[in-house]
Amino acid sequence: MENLTKILAGCRRRDRKSQEKLYRQFYPVLFALCRNFFEEKHDILTAINNGMLKVFQNIDQYEPAKGEFFNWTYTTVRNAALTLLRDRKTQTFYYEEISDYMGFESGENPFEQLAAGDIHIYLLQLPVATRRICGLFYLDGFSVREIAEALRISEGTVKWHLSESRVRLRTIFEKSL
């Protein structure tokens, strides 16, 4: 694989071959990221493409002193996926508000001792909305408030999905033992 520095230099010159090399280099990880947000391959690819377009358009704004290029790209694509979710007016998800009888327990991170490949296998067994919120909270480290603001839902709904993900994952983990 070609040196990332050379590829980035080509991308800054708007060289299409360099852009393609960068896209192909990060594609597997970005596909796994966007798969947490969408079920349909078309939607996953749309989110990746929207994010990578922003990366290519704003590549001159990347500052190496602020962090690694991959992290900057990952964040840009994740934000593009969140934007795509918000902009979908016709897409409806079932959200249930949390109420007192449901409870919300803030247990440990259920993914702490799993390998990265295992985590995605388990996450794919969750409903899309629950998977999305679970990934943002446990894998990306967003707070309940940040998730609620990004998805434009109430904090109670986020808490319900987190509680639901723990219940469902507990069942899945017990079956796999």
Protein backbone atom coordinates (compact mmCIF):
# COMPACT_ATOMS: atom_id res chain seq x y z
CA MET A 1 0.00 0.00 0.00
CA GLU A 2 1.26 3.41 -0.92
CA ASN A 3 2.41 5.78 1.81
CA LEU A 4 -0.47 7.78 3.31
CA THR A 5 1.55 10.99 3.05
CA LYS A 6 1.87 10.56 -0.72
CA ILE A 7 -1.82 9.73 -1.06
CA LEU A 8 -2.81 12.82 0.95
CA ALA A 9 -0.52 15.01 -1.14
CA GLY A 10 -2.27 13.68 -4.26
CA CYS A 11 -5.68 14.30 -2.69
CA ARG A 12 -4.71 17.91 -1.95
CA ARG A 13 -3.89 18.29 -5.67
CA ARG A 14 -7.38 16.85 -6.40
CA ASP A 15 -5.80 13.82 -8.09
CA ARG A 16 -8.60 11.28 -8.70
CA LYS A 17 -6.31 8.24 -8.43
CA SER A 18 -5.08 9.38 -5.02
CA GLN A 19 -8.65 9.96 -3.89
CA GLU A 20 -9.58 6.47 -5.04
CA LYS A 21 -6.61 4.95 -3.16
CA LEU A 22 -7.61 6.78 0.03
CA TYR A 23 -11.24 5.72 -0.37
CA ARG A 24 -10.27 2.07 -0.88
CA GLN A 25 -7.82 2.13 2.03
CA PHE A 26 -10.45 3.30 4.55
CA TYR A 27 -13.53 1.67 2.97
CA PRO A 28 -13.70 -1.50 5.13
CA VAL A 29 -13.65 0.40 8.42
CA LEU A 30 -16.03 3.08 7.20
CA PHE A 31 -18.43 0.43 5.89
CA ALA A 32 -18.45 -1.23 9.33
CA LEU A 33 -19.09 2.17 10.93
CA CYS A 34 -22.02 3.05 8.68
CA ARG A 35 -23.47 -0.46 8.97
CA ASN A 36 -24.22 0.46 12.58
CA PHE A 37 -26.53 3.22 11.36
CA PHE A 38 -28.24 1.64 8.36
CA GLU A 39 -29.47 -1.77 7.24
CA GLU A 40 -29.66 -1.15 3.50
CA LYS A 41 -26.38 -1.30 1.59
CA HIS A 42 -27.49 1.67 -0.50
CA ASP A 43 -27.84 3.81 2.63
CA ILE A 44 -24.48 2.64 3.96
CA LEU A 45 -22.76 3.56 0.69
CA THR A 46 -24.55 6.91 0.55
CA ALA A 47 -23.29 7.79 4.02
CA ILE A 48 -19.73 6.71 3.18
CA ASN A 49 -19.77 8.62 -0.11
CA ASN A 50 -21.21 11.77 1.47
CA GLY A 51 -18.58 11.63 4.19
CA MET A 52 -15.67 10.97 1.85
CA LEU A 53 -16.83 13.79 -0.43
CA LYS A 54 -16.60 16.12 2.57
CA VAL A 55 -13.14 14.72 3.35
CA PHE A 56 -11.95 15.42 -0.20
CA GLN A 57 -13.53 18.89 -0.29
CA ASN A 58 -12.07 19.88 3.09
CA ILE A 59 -8.76 18.02 3.06
CA ASP A 60 -6.85 21.31 3.26
CA GLN A 61 -8.49 21.94 6.65
CA TYR A 62 -6.99 18.80 8.19
CA GLU A 63 -4.29 19.68 10.73
CA PRO A 64 -1.91 16.84 11.65
CA ALA A 65 -1.14 18.52 14.99
CA LYS A 66 -4.74 17.96 16.10
CA GLY A 67 -4.76 14.21 15.52
CA GLU A 68 -4.41 11.38 13.06
CA PHE A 69 -5.91 11.67 9.60
CA PHE A 70 -7.87 8.43 10.02
CA ASN A 71 -9.62 9.80 13.14
CA TRP A 72 -10.52 12.99 11.28
CA THR A 73 -11.91 10.96 8.37
CA TYR A 74 -13.80 8.59 10.68
CA THR A 75 -15.43 11.52 12.49
CA THR A 76 -16.34 13.22 9.21
CA VAL A 77 -18.00 10.07 7.84
CA ARG A 78 -19.79 9.41 11.14
CA ASN A 79 -21.16 12.96 11.11
CA ALA A 80 -22.26 12.50 7.49
CA ALA A 81 -24.15 9.35 8.52
CA LEU A 82 -25.84 11.22 11.38
CA THR A 83 -26.77 14.04 9.02
CA LEU A 84 -28.25 11.56 6.56
CA LEU A 85 -30.33 10.07 9.37
CA ARG A 86 -31.61 13.48 10.47
CA ASP A 87 -32.43 14.58 6.94
CA ARG A 88 -34.58 11.57 6.19
CA LYS A 89 -38.05 12.94 6.80
CA THR A 90 -39.80 9.97 5.23
CA GLN A 91 -37.93 7.39 7.28
CA THR A 92 -39.64 6.62 10.55
CA PHE A 93 -38.26 4.64 13.44
CA TYR A 94 -40.13 3.27 16.37
CA TYR A 95 -39.02 5.02 19.54
CA GLU A 96 -40.61 4.40 22.85
CA GLU A 97 -40.32 6.95 25.62
CA ILE A 98 -38.87 5.62 28.84
CA SER A 99 -41.19 5.65 31.80
CA ASP A 100 -40.70 5.00 35.49
CA TYR A 101 -41.85 1.39 35.37
CA MET A 102 -39.20 0.49 32.76
CA GLY A 103 -36.23 1.61 34.80
CA PHE A 104 -32.82 2.50 33.51
CA GLU A 105 -29.84 0.68 34.85
CA SER A 106 -26.43 1.97 33.95
CA GLY A 107 -24.47 -1.25 34.01
CA GLU A 108 -21.03 -1.93 32.69
CA ASN A 109 -20.10 -1.74 29.04
CA PRO A 110 -21.20 -5.10 27.58
CA PHE A 111 -18.48 -4.91 24.91
CA GLU A 112 -15.41 -4.57 27.15
CA GLN A 113 -14.10 -8.09 26.75
CA LEU A 114 -15.09 -8.79 23.14
CA ALA A 115 -12.99 -8.59 20.01
CA ALA A 116 -13.96 -5.96 17.44
CA GLY A 117 -15.31 -8.55 15.00
CA ASP A 118 -17.47 -10.13 17.70
CA ILE A 119 -18.99 -6.78 18.62
CA HIS A 120 -20.33 -6.19 15.12
CA ILE A 121 -21.78 -9.68 14.93
CA TYR A 122 -23.72 -9.06 18.14
CA LEU A 123 -24.74 -5.54 17.17
CA LEU A 124 -26.20 -6.74 13.89
CA GLN A 125 -28.72 -8.78 15.87
CA LEU A 126 -30.21 -5.61 17.40
CA PRO A 127 -32.92 -3.50 15.74
CA VAL A 128 -31.43 -0.65 13.67
CA ALA A 129 -32.38 2.23 15.97
CA THR A 130 -31.19 0.40 19.09
CA ARG A 131 -27.97 -0.68 17.34
CA ARG A 132 -27.29 2.89 16.27
CA ILE A 133 -27.72 4.33 19.75
CA CYS A 134 -25.82 1.47 21.39
CA GLY A 135 -22.87 2.00 19.03
CA LEU A 136 -22.80 5.75 19.58
CA PHE A 137 -22.87 5.34 23.36
CA TYR A 138 -20.61 2.33 23.97
CA LEU A 139 -18.30 2.34 20.96
CA ASP A 140 -17.99 6.03 20.11
CA GLY A 141 -18.32 7.36 23.67
CA PHE A 142 -21.09 9.89 23.13
CA SER A 143 -23.16 10.94 26.14
CA VAL A 144 -26.91 10.40 26.32
CA ARG A 145 -27.45 14.12 25.80
CA GLU A 146 -25.16 14.25 22.73
CA ILE A 147 -26.95 11.29 21.15
CA ALA A 148 -30.35 12.82 21.83
CA GLU A 149 -29.31 16.11 20.24
CA ALA A 150 -27.68 14.43 17.21
CA LEU A 151 -30.70 12.22 16.48
CA ARG A 152 -33.26 14.82 17.61
CA ILE A 153 -34.96 12.52 20.08
CA SER A 154 -35.48 12.80 23.81
CA GLU A 155 -32.89 11.68 26.34
CA GLY A 156 -35.48 9.25 27.71
CA THR A 157 -35.71 7.55 24.34
CA VAL A 158 -31.93 7.20 24.21
CA LYS A 159 -31.96 5.69 27.70
CA TRP A 160 -34.70 3.27 26.69
CA HIS A 161 -32.69 2.09 23.69
CA LEU A 162 -29.59 1.63 25.87
CA SER A 163 -31.59 -0.37 28.38
CA GLU A 164 -33.19 -2.39 25.57
CA SER A 165 -29.78 -3.07 24.02
CA ARG A 166 -28.44 -4.41 27.33
CA VAL A 167 -31.46 -6.69 27.79
CA ARG A 168 -31.24 -8.03 24.25
CA LEU A 169 -27.46 -8.41 24.31
CA ARG A 170 -27.62 -10.21 27.64
CA THR A 171 -30.00 -12.73 26.06
CA ILE A 172 -27.76 -13.07 23.00
CA PHE A 173 -24.64 -13.53 25.17
CA GLU A 174 -26.36 -16.16 27.31
CA LYS A 175 -27.42 -18.12 24.23
CA SER A 176 -23.87 -18.09 22.87
CA LEU A 177 -22.34 -19.51 26.03
